[in-house]
Amino acid sequence: MIQIGSKLHNSYRIVGQLGEGGMGRTFLAEDENLDTALAVKTLRAELMGDEVVVRRFTREIWVMANLSHPNVVKILTCDAETEEPWIAMEYCPRSLDDNTAD
């Protein structure tokens, strides 16, 4: 199970939890090779056996990877085939409220 202290992709160390929703959890991670922050999204453990949810998560990876827009974070890498699928993406430290306040 991915949790604080876990390591993914040989260099992504999970350092904190950013949020949790109906479908999954998002963690703050650090790329130890590049010394940069990133976000890692995972599926909730109880949903991993639901094929429809797993397909939706996999489709989300594909859609995000094929989007290019200044207001959409970029996918860095992912592993949709593992026991606990995850997406590593750019970390955006500002909230939506911060971005729309101006």
Protein backbone atom coordinates (compact mmCIF):
# COMPACT_ATOMS: atom_id res chain seq x y z
CA MET A 1 0.00 0.00 0.00
CA ILE A 2 1.32 3.42 -0.95
CA GLN A 3 1.74 5.55 2.17
CA ILE A 4 4.02 8.19 3.64
CA GLY A 5 7.58 6.83 3.49
CA SER A 6 6.89 4.57 0.47
CA LYS A 7 9.14 4.76 -2.57
CA LEU A 8 7.92 4.51 -6.17
CA HIS A 9 9.76 4.37 -9.46
CA ASN A 10 13.12 3.99 -7.64
CA SER A 11 13.32 7.69 -6.75
CA TYR A 12 9.87 9.05 -5.81
CA ARG A 13 9.62 9.17 -2.01
CA ILE A 14 6.14 9.86 -0.56
CA VAL A 15 6.47 12.66 2.02
CA GLY A 16 2.87 13.64 2.81
CA GLN A 17 -0.78 13.42 1.85
CA LEU A 18 -2.29 16.32 -0.10
CA GLY A 19 -5.89 15.17 -0.30
CA GLU A 20 -8.41 12.37 -0.51
CA GLY A 21 -11.56 12.00 -2.58
CA GLY A 22 -14.14 9.44 -3.57
CA MET A 23 -11.87 7.68 -6.03
CA GLY A 24 -8.39 8.05 -4.57
CA ARG A 25 -5.71 9.81 -2.58
CA THR A 26 -3.11 12.33 -3.69
CA PHE A 27 0.30 12.47 -2.06
CA LEU A 28 3.19 14.90 -2.10
CA ALA A 29 6.36 13.15 -3.20
CA GLU A 30 9.97 14.09 -3.76
CA ASP A 31 12.04 12.95 -6.73
CA GLU A 32 15.29 12.11 -4.95
CA ASN A 33 17.27 12.14 -8.21
CA LEU A 34 16.13 15.59 -9.35
CA ASP A 35 15.35 17.10 -5.92
CA THR A 36 11.91 18.24 -7.10
CA ALA A 37 8.38 17.93 -5.72
CA LEU A 38 5.64 16.02 -7.51
CA ALA A 39 2.13 14.79 -6.82
CA VAL A 40 1.20 11.10 -6.86
CA LYS A 41 -2.43 10.02 -7.25
CA THR A 42 -3.54 6.51 -6.27
CA LEU A 43 -6.79 4.59 -6.25
CA ARG A 44 -8.51 3.91 -2.93
CA ALA A 45 -7.69 0.38 -1.74
CA GLU A 46 -11.35 -0.69 -1.62
CA LEU A 47 -11.84 0.27 -5.30
CA MET A 48 -8.88 -1.63 -6.76
CA GLY A 49 -10.98 -4.73 -7.36
CA ASP A 50 -13.63 -2.79 -9.31
CA GLU A 51 -12.79 -3.21 -13.01
CA VAL A 52 -14.92 -0.22 -14.03
CA VAL A 53 -13.08 2.10 -11.61
CA VAL A 54 -9.68 0.76 -12.67
CA ARG A 55 -10.58 1.34 -16.35
CA ARG A 56 -11.74 4.88 -15.51
CA PHE A 57 -8.43 5.54 -13.71
CA THR A 58 -6.48 4.15 -16.67
CA ARG A 59 -8.52 6.34 -19.05
CA GLU A 60 -7.76 9.36 -16.84
CA ILE A 61 -4.04 8.62 -17.26
CA TRP A 62 -4.39 8.46 -21.05
CA VAL A 63 -6.47 11.66 -21.24
CA MET A 64 -4.11 13.64 -18.98
CA ALA A 65 -1.06 12.40 -20.89
CA ASN A 66 -2.56 13.65 -24.15
CA LEU A 67 -3.56 17.10 -22.89
CA SER A 68 -1.32 20.08 -23.32
CA HIS A 69 -2.57 23.26 -21.70
CA PRO A 70 -0.98 25.80 -19.33
CA ASN A 71 -3.71 25.13 -16.73
CA VAL A 72 -3.37 21.33 -16.73
CA VAL A 73 -0.54 19.57 -14.90
CA LYS A 74 1.67 17.23 -16.91
CA ILE A 75 1.91 13.51 -16.27
CA LEU A 76 5.50 12.56 -15.42
CA THR A 77 5.04 8.79 -15.35
CA CYS A 78 2.56 6.18 -14.15
CA ASP A 79 2.06 2.53 -13.40
CA ALA A 80 -1.46 1.40 -14.21
CA GLU A 81 -0.50 -2.29 -14.27
CA THR A 82 0.66 -2.59 -10.67
CA GLU A 83 -1.43 -3.92 -7.79
CA GLU A 84 -2.00 -0.31 -6.70
CA PRO A 85 -2.14 1.90 -9.83
CA TRP A 86 -0.64 5.39 -9.52
CA ILE A 87 0.02 8.55 -11.54
CA ALA A 88 2.99 10.87 -10.92
CA MET A 89 2.36 14.42 -12.09
CA GLU A 90 3.63 17.94 -11.70
CA TYR A 91 3.03 19.39 -8.27
CA CYS A 92 1.14 22.69 -8.28
CA PRO A 93 1.46 24.19 -4.80
CA ARG A 94 -1.19 26.87 -5.34
CA SER A 95 -4.86 26.07 -4.82
CA LEU A 96 -7.59 26.74 -7.37
CA ASP A 97 -8.80 29.57 -5.13
CA ASP A 98 -5.31 31.13 -5.25
CA ASN A 99 -5.27 30.89 -9.05
CA THR A 100 -8.71 32.45 -9.53
CA ALA A 101 -8.45 35.21 -6.91
CA ASP A 102 -6.71 37.68 -9.27
